[in-house]
Amino acid sequence: MRKRILVVVIFAFVCCLALLFHWRATKRPALIQTPRIYEPSAALSPQDTLMLLEHFNAAVTEREAELESGVIEFSLTISKIKTPFSKKSVYEERLKWHVTYRFSGQQRFYQIQERVKVKPGWFRRAKWKESKRYNFQADDSGKKGYVNRGDGWQWTSHHPITLNSYGSPLRWKWNTNLTRMTQMLGPIVDAQKDIIEEEPVDYFKFEDWRADRIETTELWSNPRKDYRTTKVVQQTRYINKELTNKTLISSGEPVTEGWLSPHISQLRYTCQLAQFEPGIWYPQTSTEVREVVDAKNSHFLMGEKLTLQVQSAAFNIPIAVKDLLLQPDR
């Protein structure tokens, strides 16, 4: 009997010790996490930047000079996020443009068919319906010109395809020279060689600090395929509205998460290239997705996806005046 009591006492004592150690372990003060501090990255030296600009810009100039004329048939599709404020980004197609684009030198002409997705009734499946059909003769800028919607030619200061960055197939966004990219995206803070899908590519990182936002852009370009851009990843962090009256860099204060809005704008661009003519590489398909994410609640607040599909492309071929449908002297 005494042995049993002794065993029970020893067991209870051991349990008390175990509980005591556990309590002390859980009562240890939590580690204080150092808040992340954001600061501008150092730009490349002027000499390195100039060398990159000269080499890259020369390659782009040579690429554009090779395209004297051509006919490109392509489609652009806009999709919107189906359910905002959701954990997943599911997209639904809303608008399509089918375009035949002809160019010869500085002369550009578009035949455009616009289709929208309409739902005839509550219990019927949505269908595509043609909404507009028009011709557009662009000026040298590619953004203005004369449009004919079936009621005669009229001057317009806006490209019929509202996506100006993709209005001209020869100057699709992300395929301009490096000087223009630095003007749009900020200075180059990193440049190196990389490998994507077993192909060597040039990698560039841009950083743009402003009073109301911090934007970083990573871009990959394929030097073996006319220096076309194959991938872009961009993230924009916005400054809280009550602090936008301060300029971050001039204030001298450290930029921490407390300065930044939980809403993050992000962009992803991917492009598959094809060799339509010997020595001429051109986008076959590309996708650009723009989303605004609530990082605090992991919700997608809004999103838009643009899909490009080139059906056919022929370059440096004779283009008759009648195919450009140029207007007589004005």
Protein backbone atom coordinates (compact mmCIF):
# COMPACT_ATOMS: atom_id res chain seq x y z
CA MET A 1 0.00 0.00 0.00
CA ARG A 2 2.81 2.39 0.92
CA LYS A 3 4.58 1.58 -2.37
CA ARG A 4 1.45 2.50 -4.32
CA ILE A 5 1.17 5.81 -2.51
CA LEU A 6 4.87 6.53 -3.15
CA VAL A 7 4.51 5.80 -6.88
CA VAL A 8 1.46 8.10 -7.10
CA VAL A 9 3.31 10.90 -5.26
CA ILE A 10 6.35 10.57 -7.55
CA PHE A 11 4.13 10.55 -10.65
CA ALA A 12 2.25 13.66 -9.45
CA PHE A 13 5.55 15.41 -8.72
CA VAL A 14 6.89 14.67 -12.21
CA CYS A 15 3.64 15.95 -13.78
CA CYS A 16 3.88 19.16 -11.75
CA LEU A 17 7.45 19.71 -12.93
CA ALA A 18 6.40 19.15 -16.54
CA LEU A 19 3.53 21.63 -16.22
CA LEU A 20 5.85 24.17 -14.60
CA PHE A 21 8.41 23.97 -17.43
CA HIS A 22 5.62 24.22 -20.03
CA TRP A 23 4.16 27.28 -18.32
CA ARG A 24 7.53 29.01 -18.21
CA ALA A 25 8.15 28.24 -21.86
CA THR A 26 4.82 29.70 -22.92
CA LYS A 27 5.35 32.78 -20.79
CA ARG A 28 8.57 33.77 -22.53
CA PRO A 29 8.32 37.23 -24.05
CA ALA A 30 7.53 37.22 -27.78
CA LEU A 31 10.35 38.14 -30.12
CA ILE A 32 10.04 41.71 -31.31
CA GLN A 33 9.97 41.74 -35.12
CA THR A 34 11.92 44.57 -36.69
CA PRO A 35 9.60 46.41 -39.09
CA ARG A 36 10.63 46.14 -42.74
CA ILE A 37 12.16 49.34 -44.02
CA TYR A 38 11.76 50.32 -47.69
CA GLU A 39 14.40 52.44 -49.34
CA PRO A 40 15.35 53.18 -52.95
CA SER A 41 17.81 50.81 -54.58
CA ALA A 42 20.98 52.25 -56.03
CA ALA A 43 20.67 52.87 -59.76
CA LEU A 44 23.28 51.55 -62.17
CA SER A 45 26.19 53.84 -62.79
CA PRO A 46 25.77 56.35 -65.64
CA GLN A 47 28.42 54.51 -67.65
CA ASP A 48 26.71 51.12 -67.30
CA THR A 49 23.29 52.65 -68.03
CA LEU A 50 24.56 54.42 -71.15
CA MET A 51 26.18 51.21 -72.42
CA LEU A 52 22.92 49.28 -71.94
CA LEU A 53 20.84 51.99 -73.61
CA GLU A 54 23.11 52.23 -76.64
CA HIS A 55 23.25 48.46 -77.20
CA PHE A 56 19.55 47.74 -76.57
CA ASN A 57 18.24 50.79 -78.46
CA ALA A 58 20.38 50.02 -81.49
CA ALA A 59 18.95 46.50 -81.63
CA VAL A 60 15.35 47.80 -81.37
CA THR A 61 15.98 50.45 -84.06
CA GLU A 62 17.35 47.77 -86.37
CA ARG A 63 14.34 45.54 -85.65
CA GLU A 64 11.83 48.29 -86.44
CA ALA A 65 13.69 49.32 -89.62
CA GLU A 66 13.30 45.79 -90.97
CA LEU A 67 9.49 46.08 -90.90
CA GLU A 68 8.73 48.26 -93.93
CA SER A 69 5.23 46.99 -94.68
CA GLY A 70 2.88 44.18 -93.76
CA VAL A 71 -0.53 42.82 -92.90
CA ILE A 72 -1.36 41.54 -89.41
CA GLU A 73 -4.62 39.88 -88.40
CA PHE A 74 -5.11 39.68 -84.66
CA SER A 75 -7.68 39.71 -81.87
CA LEU A 76 -7.73 41.44 -78.50
CA THR A 77 -9.96 40.12 -75.72
CA ILE A 78 -10.75 41.90 -72.46
CA SER A 79 -11.79 39.82 -69.46
CA LYS A 80 -12.95 41.16 -66.09
CA ILE A 81 -12.68 39.47 -62.72
CA LYS A 82 -15.94 37.62 -62.19
CA THR A 83 -16.36 38.01 -58.43
CA PRO A 84 -14.57 40.96 -56.74
CA PHE A 85 -13.53 40.64 -53.08
CA SER A 86 -12.95 36.91 -53.49
CA LYS A 87 -9.98 34.72 -52.57
CA LYS A 88 -9.53 33.52 -56.18
CA SER A 89 -9.29 35.50 -59.42
CA VAL A 90 -11.72 33.95 -61.92
CA TYR A 91 -12.06 35.89 -65.18
CA GLU A 92 -14.94 36.27 -67.61
CA GLU A 93 -14.58 37.53 -71.20
CA ARG A 94 -16.45 40.79 -71.85
CA LEU A 95 -15.19 42.47 -75.05
CA LYS A 96 -13.38 41.45 -78.23
CA TRP A 97 -11.79 43.25 -81.14
CA HIS A 98 -10.98 41.48 -84.41
CA VAL A 99 -8.53 43.60 -86.38
CA THR A 100 -6.89 43.54 -89.80
CA TYR A 101 -3.97 45.96 -89.75
CA ARG A 102 -2.11 47.10 -92.87
CA PHE A 103 0.90 49.37 -92.94
CA SER A 104 3.38 50.70 -95.45
CA GLY A 105 5.95 53.15 -94.21
CA GLN A 106 4.09 55.72 -92.10
CA GLN A 107 0.69 54.82 -93.57
CA ARG A 108 -1.50 52.72 -91.26
CA PHE A 109 -4.99 51.40 -91.76
CA TYR A 110 -7.26 49.31 -89.52
CA GLN A 111 -10.39 47.30 -90.22
CA ILE A 112 -12.01 46.71 -86.84
CA GLN A 113 -14.89 44.55 -85.71
CA GLU A 114 -15.97 44.96 -82.09
CA ARG A 115 -18.03 42.32 -80.29
CA VAL A 116 -19.55 42.39 -76.82
CA LYS A 117 -20.91 39.60 -74.66
CA VAL A 118 -24.63 39.97 -73.93
CA LYS A 119 -27.02 37.87 -71.91
CA PRO A 120 -30.47 37.68 -73.58
CA GLY A 121 -32.28 36.50 -70.43
CA TRP A 122 -31.91 35.20 -66.89
CA PHE A 123 -31.82 31.55 -67.90
CA ARG A 124 -30.06 31.88 -71.26
CA ARG A 125 -26.40 31.54 -71.99
CA ALA A 126 -24.52 34.73 -72.83
CA LYS A 127 -23.65 35.16 -76.53
CA TRP A 128 -21.21 37.28 -78.50
CA LYS A 129 -22.81 40.03 -80.55
CA GLU A 130 -21.21 42.43 -83.00
CA SER A 131 -21.56 45.98 -81.66
CA LYS A 132 -19.40 48.07 -84.01
CA ARG A 133 -17.61 47.80 -87.34
CA TYR A 134 -15.40 50.59 -88.60
CA ASN A 135 -12.26 51.59 -90.47
CA PHE A 136 -9.53 53.77 -89.04
CA GLN A 137 -6.73 55.59 -90.85
CA ALA A 138 -4.11 56.59 -88.30
CA ASP A 139 -1.77 59.57 -88.45
CA ASP A 140 1.95 59.44 -87.73
CA SER A 141 1.36 59.21 -83.97
CA GLY A 142 -0.81 56.11 -84.40
CA LYS A 143 -3.32 57.48 -81.87
CA LYS A 144 -5.27 60.00 -83.94
CA GLY A 145 -6.67 59.97 -87.45
CA TYR A 146 -9.82 59.53 -89.50
CA VAL A 147 -12.50 57.00 -88.67
CA ASN A 148 -15.35 55.75 -90.83
CA ARG A 149 -18.24 54.05 -89.01
CA GLY A 150 -20.31 53.79 -92.18
CA ASP A 151 -21.33 57.46 -92.22
CA GLY A 152 -18.25 58.95 -93.89
CA TRP A 153 -14.78 59.86 -92.72
CA GLN A 154 -14.53 61.95 -89.55
CA TRP A 155 -11.51 63.22 -87.62
CA THR A 156 -10.98 61.65 -84.21
CA SER A 157 -8.43 62.42 -81.51
CA HIS A 158 -8.82 58.95 -79.97
CA HIS A 159 -7.86 55.54 -81.27
CA PRO A 160 -11.03 53.42 -81.81
CA ILE A 161 -9.38 50.66 -79.82
CA THR A 162 -9.32 52.30 -76.40
CA LEU A 163 -6.18 50.43 -75.33
CA ASN A 164 -3.64 52.92 -76.60
CA SER A 165 -0.73 50.79 -75.43
CA TYR A 166 -1.81 48.07 -77.85
CA GLY A 167 -3.44 50.19 -80.55
CA SER A 168 -0.49 49.97 -82.90
CA PRO A 169 0.75 46.40 -83.43
CA LEU A 170 4.22 47.71 -84.26
CA ARG A 171 4.52 49.49 -80.92
CA TRP A 172 2.80 47.13 -78.54
CA LYS A 173 3.57 47.93 -74.95
CA TRP A 174 6.74 46.42 -73.41
CA ASN A 175 8.41 46.31 -76.84
CA THR A 176 9.78 49.83 -77.03
CA ASN A 177 13.40 50.89 -76.61
CA LEU A 178 15.13 51.00 -73.26
CA THR A 179 15.19 54.81 -73.07
CA ARG A 180 11.39 54.99 -73.22
CA MET A 181 11.16 52.24 -70.63
CA THR A 182 13.27 54.19 -68.15
CA GLN A 183 11.02 57.20 -68.77
CA MET A 184 7.94 55.10 -67.96
CA LEU A 185 9.32 52.77 -65.29
CA GLY A 186 12.11 54.65 -63.55
CA PRO A 187 15.88 54.10 -63.48
CA ILE A 188 17.48 50.69 -63.99
CA VAL A 189 18.66 49.28 -60.66
CA ASP A 190 19.71 45.82 -61.84
CA ALA A 191 20.65 44.18 -65.15
CA GLN A 192 21.97 40.68 -65.70
CA LYS A 193 21.76 37.57 -67.85
CA ASP A 194 19.10 34.96 -67.03
CA ILE A 195 17.64 31.71 -68.36
CA ILE A 196 13.90 31.19 -69.02
CA GLU A 197 12.68 27.92 -70.52
CA GLU A 198 16.26 27.02 -71.45
CA GLU A 199 16.74 30.24 -73.43
CA PRO A 200 19.16 33.04 -72.53
CA VAL A 201 17.40 36.33 -71.80
CA ASP A 202 18.34 39.80 -70.58
CA TYR A 203 16.88 40.75 -67.20
CA PHE A 204 16.21 44.36 -66.16
CA LYS A 205 14.81 45.75 -62.93
CA PHE A 206 13.37 49.26 -62.75
CA GLU A 207 12.37 51.20 -59.64
CA ASP A 208 10.22 54.33 -59.49
CA TRP A 209 9.76 56.22 -56.19
CA ARG A 210 7.12 58.94 -56.12
CA ALA A 211 5.27 60.93 -53.50
CA ASP A 212 2.26 58.63 -53.65
CA ARG A 213 3.67 55.21 -54.61
CA ILE A 214 6.63 52.87 -54.94
CA GLU A 215 6.75 50.85 -58.16
CA THR A 216 9.13 48.04 -59.10
CA THR A 217 9.20 46.42 -62.55
CA GLU A 218 11.09 43.31 -63.64
CA LEU A 219 11.42 42.72 -67.39
CA TRP A 220 12.90 39.89 -69.43
CA SER A 221 13.92 40.36 -73.09
CA ASN A 222 15.12 37.75 -75.57
CA PRO A 223 18.24 38.95 -77.46
CA ARG A 224 18.03 36.02 -79.89
CA LYS A 225 14.51 36.97 -80.93
CA ASP A 226 14.79 40.62 -81.96
CA TYR A 227 15.04 41.74 -78.31
CA ARG A 228 11.30 41.18 -77.87
CA THR A 229 9.97 41.27 -74.31
CA THR A 230 8.79 37.87 -73.10
CA LYS A 231 7.90 38.51 -69.45
CA VAL A 232 7.10 41.42 -67.11
CA VAL A 233 6.30 41.43 -63.38
CA GLN A 234 5.30 44.72 -61.80
CA GLN A 235 4.19 45.66 -58.29
CA THR A 236 2.96 49.03 -57.04
CA ARG A 237 2.67 49.90 -53.35
CA TYR A 238 0.62 53.02 -52.60
CA ILE A 239 1.27 55.47 -49.78
CA ASN A 240 -1.55 56.02 -47.27
CA LYS A 241 -3.64 58.99 -48.36
CA GLU A 242 -3.01 60.99 -45.19
CA LEU A 243 0.72 60.85 -45.93
CA THR A 244 0.69 61.67 -49.65
CA ASN A 245 1.31 65.34 -48.91
CA LYS A 246 4.83 64.32 -47.93
CA THR A 247 7.52 63.39 -50.39
CA LEU A 248 9.09 60.14 -49.25
CA ILE A 249 12.60 60.71 -50.40
CA SER A 250 12.83 64.34 -49.22
CA SER A 251 11.21 63.65 -45.83
CA GLY A 252 14.16 61.58 -44.69
CA GLU A 253 11.90 59.31 -42.64
CA PRO A 254 12.20 55.52 -42.94
CA VAL A 255 9.42 54.01 -45.06
CA THR A 256 7.80 51.10 -43.23
CA GLU A 257 4.62 49.09 -43.69
CA GLY A 258 2.76 51.73 -41.69
CA TRP A 259 3.28 54.17 -44.54
CA LEU A 260 1.85 51.80 -47.14
CA SER A 261 -1.73 50.96 -48.06
CA PRO A 262 -2.65 47.24 -47.84
CA HIS A 263 -3.97 47.53 -51.42
CA ILE A 264 -1.29 46.35 -53.84
CA SER A 265 -1.48 46.77 -57.61
CA GLN A 266 0.25 44.00 -59.53
CA LEU A 267 0.81 43.22 -63.21
CA ARG A 268 1.92 40.07 -64.97
CA TYR A 269 2.75 39.95 -68.68
CA THR A 270 3.82 36.90 -70.67
CA CYS A 271 4.45 36.62 -74.40
CA GLN A 272 5.08 33.71 -76.75
CA LEU A 273 7.05 34.69 -79.86
CA ALA A 274 6.90 33.17 -83.35
CA GLN A 275 9.09 33.55 -86.42
CA PHE A 276 6.59 34.70 -89.04
CA GLU A 277 9.31 35.55 -91.57
CA PRO A 278 12.97 34.44 -91.70
CA GLY A 279 14.78 36.56 -89.14
CA ILE A 280 11.62 38.38 -88.00
CA TRP A 281 10.22 37.48 -84.59
CA TYR A 282 6.83 38.74 -83.53
CA PRO A 283 4.30 38.07 -80.72
CA GLN A 284 2.08 35.05 -81.37
CA THR A 285 0.12 35.23 -78.14
CA SER A 286 0.46 37.41 -75.06
CA THR A 287 -1.46 37.95 -71.83
CA GLU A 288 -1.42 40.91 -69.50
CA VAL A 289 -3.18 40.67 -66.13
CA ARG A 290 -3.70 43.71 -63.88
CA GLU A 291 -5.04 43.13 -60.37
CA VAL A 292 -5.52 45.06 -57.15
CA VAL A 293 -5.11 42.86 -54.07
CA ASP A 294 -5.99 43.54 -50.45
CA ALA A 295 -2.89 42.04 -48.84
CA LYS A 296 -4.39 42.30 -45.36
CA ASN A 297 -7.44 40.15 -46.14
CA SER A 298 -6.01 38.25 -49.14
CA HIS A 299 -8.84 39.42 -51.41
CA PHE A 300 -8.81 40.34 -55.09
CA LEU A 301 -10.51 43.75 -55.23
CA MET A 302 -10.48 44.11 -59.00
CA GLY A 303 -8.83 42.62 -62.04
CA GLU A 304 -8.61 42.87 -65.80
CA LYS A 305 -6.99 40.52 -68.30
CA LEU A 306 -6.00 41.38 -71.85
CA THR A 307 -5.30 38.53 -74.26
CA LEU A 308 -3.65 39.04 -77.64
CA GLN A 309 -3.80 36.40 -80.37
CA VAL A 310 -2.15 36.88 -83.77
CA GLN A 311 -3.88 34.79 -86.43
CA SER A 312 -1.54 35.68 -89.29
CA ALA A 313 1.24 38.11 -90.11
CA ALA A 314 3.16 38.83 -93.31
CA PHE A 315 5.92 41.44 -93.51
CA ASN A 316 7.74 43.37 -96.22
CA ILE A 317 5.18 42.63 -98.91
CA PRO A 318 3.73 45.05 -101.47
CA ILE A 319 0.63 46.85 -100.14
CA ALA A 320 -1.65 48.39 -102.77
CA VAL A 321 -3.04 51.86 -102.18
CA LYS A 322 -6.58 50.50 -102.39
CA ASP A 323 -5.81 48.11 -99.51
CA LEU A 324 -4.73 51.02 -97.36
CA LEU A 325 -7.95 52.83 -98.34
CA LEU A 326 -6.19 56.15 -98.08
CA GLN A 327 -8.35 59.23 -98.26
CA PRO A 328 -7.86 61.71 -101.08
CA ASP A 329 -6.06 64.97 -100.33
CA ARG A 330 -7.83 66.83 -97.57
